[in-house]
Each structure stands twice: as C-alpha cells, then as structure tokens.
C-alpha cells in the first residue's frame, strides 16, 4: 500500500522563519523548501512614506515554506505551524494543504513516499535553525 503524500504550503512573516524551522524539525519534518514571496490578502497592502510622500504598497513581502509529508500526521504539522506562527494580528499568513498524486526522487527513480523518505546513511547534513 502506498502512503498518501500531502503537500503543505505555509505563507507567513519572514521574522517567524527560524522558529518555524526549529519546530518543524522537532516533529520530524526535514525536507523543506523556503522562498521569498510577495502578496496581499485581506489587508490589501499598506502605506509607507518615502521622502515625505505617501506610497501604497500593494504587495507585502512574506516567506513561503513548502514540505511534503507522508508518515508525519498532517494535523500535527498544522497544529505546530499554528502554535508557532499565530500572533493574532493581520499578516500571520495562510496554510494550504494539498493531496499529491506522486513524487519522484530524480536521482534514484523512487516514487511515492519512498521519494521523500530519508535513506539511512545518505544524509548529507541537517538544517540547524
């Protein structure tokens, strides 16, 4: 039986990245991709003043953290993210959860959860946040 693969995308404040990475590593989430992104939500951006003139900033800088899990319960990942990221203020972000059909480890040709699982003895290092 092939385990279900779930992609979790977290868009949040860049100031929370180190705390989030530490918390995810603590529950066993190791394969993580981080991107700098820009976007707007309900707040539609904000105003800034530059040299005495007001400017509307429509897109706000954020980070996007992506991971795929199969053995770690999705609810555990979501609970961890919410606990670390929630400030109660606008801009805390969003989490998107998607079921994946397949994943492929290009180097070995492994599919499904084998493609995202660590291979014993082949770890090249870990992120220390």
Protein backbone atom coordinates (compact mmCIF):
# COMPACT_ATOMS: atom_id res chain seq x y z
CA UNK A 1 0.00 0.00 0.00
CA UNK A 2 1.36 3.41 -0.97
CA UNK A 3 1.18 6.05 1.77
CA UNK A 4 -0.68 9.25 0.97
CA UNK A 5 1.52 12.23 0.15
CA UNK A 6 0.42 15.64 1.39
CA UNK A 7 1.97 18.97 0.40
CA UNK A 8 1.78 21.72 2.99
CA UNK A 9 2.43 25.33 1.94
CA UNK A 10 2.83 27.94 4.65
CA UNK A 11 2.89 31.65 3.79
CA UNK A 12 3.83 33.85 6.73
CA UNK A 13 6.06 36.59 8.11
CA UNK A 14 9.79 36.23 7.43
CA UNK A 15 10.53 37.03 11.08
CA UNK A 16 8.96 33.70 12.07
CA UNK A 17 11.14 31.51 9.80
CA UNK A 18 13.74 30.36 12.35
CA UNK A 19 11.09 29.48 14.95
CA UNK A 20 9.05 27.60 12.35
CA UNK A 21 12.02 25.60 11.03
CA UNK A 22 13.04 24.62 14.57
CA UNK A 23 9.51 23.50 15.44
CA UNK A 24 9.06 21.51 12.21
CA UNK A 25 12.43 19.79 12.66
CA UNK A 26 11.43 18.89 16.24
CA UNK A 27 8.39 16.93 14.98
CA UNK A 28 10.42 15.21 12.24
CA UNK A 29 9.75 17.39 9.20
CA UNK A 30 13.11 17.65 7.43
CA UNK A 31 12.52 18.21 3.71
CA UNK A 32 11.65 21.89 3.46
CA UNK A 33 11.80 24.49 0.68
CA UNK A 34 11.74 28.20 1.55
CA UNK A 35 11.03 31.01 -0.93
CA UNK A 36 10.73 34.76 -0.60
CA UNK A 37 7.37 35.81 -2.00
CA UNK A 38 5.18 38.91 -2.26
CA UNK A 39 1.42 39.01 -1.90
CA UNK A 40 -1.63 40.64 -0.44
CA UNK A 41 -4.53 39.30 1.50
CA UNK A 42 -7.46 40.93 3.20
CA UNK A 43 -5.36 43.92 4.25
CA UNK A 44 -4.62 44.80 0.59
CA UNK A 45 -1.14 46.06 1.49
CA UNK A 46 -0.22 49.18 3.45
CA UNK A 47 1.02 52.77 3.11
CA UNK A 48 4.62 53.86 3.51
CA UNK A 49 6.13 57.33 3.49
CA UNK A 50 9.29 57.94 1.45
CA UNK A 51 10.82 61.43 1.42
CA UNK A 52 7.59 62.95 2.67
CA UNK A 53 5.36 61.33 0.06
CA UNK A 54 2.88 58.52 0.77
CA UNK A 55 3.03 55.37 -1.34
CA UNK A 56 0.61 52.45 -1.41
CA UNK A 57 2.44 49.15 -1.09
CA UNK A 58 0.10 46.59 -2.61
CA UNK A 59 2.32 43.53 -2.27
CA UNK A 60 3.77 42.64 1.12
CA UNK A 61 6.98 40.57 1.44
CA UNK A 62 6.44 37.13 3.01
CA UNK A 63 8.09 33.74 3.07
CA UNK A 64 6.65 30.55 1.67
CA UNK A 65 7.64 27.29 3.35
CA UNK A 66 6.78 24.09 1.49
CA UNK A 67 7.06 20.49 2.63
CA UNK A 68 5.66 17.11 1.67
CA UNK A 69 4.78 14.60 4.37
CA UNK A 70 3.56 11.02 4.41
CA UNK A 71 4.49 9.47 7.77
CA UNK A 72 4.08 12.58 9.94
CA UNK A 73 0.39 13.32 10.58
CA UNK A 74 -0.80 16.42 8.73
CA UNK A 75 -2.73 17.59 11.82
CA UNK A 76 0.49 17.53 13.84
CA UNK A 77 2.22 19.73 11.23
CA UNK A 78 -0.75 22.14 11.10
CA UNK A 79 -1.01 22.37 14.89
CA UNK A 80 2.74 23.07 15.13
CA UNK A 81 2.59 25.77 12.45
CA UNK A 82 -0.41 27.48 14.03
CA UNK A 83 1.15 27.43 17.50
CA UNK A 84 4.42 28.97 16.25
CA UNK A 85 3.01 31.47 13.76
CA UNK A 86 -0.18 32.82 15.36
CA UNK A 87 0.19 36.33 16.76
CA UNK A 88 -3.46 37.27 16.40
CA UNK A 89 -2.52 40.17 14.10
CA UNK A 90 -3.23 40.71 10.41
CA UNK A 91 -0.45 39.18 8.33
CA UNK A 92 0.00 35.92 10.27
CA UNK A 93 -0.47 34.15 6.93
CA UNK A 94 -2.17 31.11 5.47
CA UNK A 95 -1.55 27.36 5.27
CA UNK A 96 -2.62 25.38 2.22
CA UNK A 97 -2.89 21.58 2.25
CA UNK A 98 -2.93 19.55 -0.98
CA UNK A 99 -3.02 15.81 -1.61
CA UNK A 100 -0.37 14.77 -4.12
CA UNK A 101 -0.71 12.07 -6.71
CA UNK A 102 3.00 11.19 -6.77
CA UNK A 103 6.54 12.34 -6.09
CA UNK A 104 9.75 11.22 -7.81
CA UNK A 105 13.31 11.27 -6.49
CA UNK A 106 15.13 12.06 -9.72
CA UNK A 107 18.49 10.56 -8.66
CA UNK A 108 17.10 7.08 -7.86
CA UNK A 109 13.78 6.98 -9.71
CA UNK A 110 11.91 6.19 -6.48
CA UNK A 111 8.22 7.10 -6.43
CA UNK A 112 5.64 7.96 -3.79
CA UNK A 113 6.61 8.12 -0.14
CA UNK A 114 9.92 6.38 -0.93
CA UNK A 115 10.89 9.52 -2.88
CA UNK A 116 10.56 11.78 0.16
CA UNK A 117 11.79 9.40 2.86
CA UNK A 118 15.37 9.77 4.12
CA UNK A 119 17.69 6.99 3.04
CA UNK A 120 19.67 5.73 6.06
CA UNK A 121 23.35 6.58 5.79
CA UNK A 122 22.82 9.06 2.96
CA UNK A 123 22.01 12.16 4.97
CA UNK A 124 24.29 14.98 3.81
CA UNK A 125 23.56 17.23 6.76
CA UNK A 126 20.72 18.93 8.53
CA UNK A 127 19.42 22.42 8.88
CA UNK A 128 20.31 23.90 12.22
CA UNK A 129 17.97 26.75 12.86
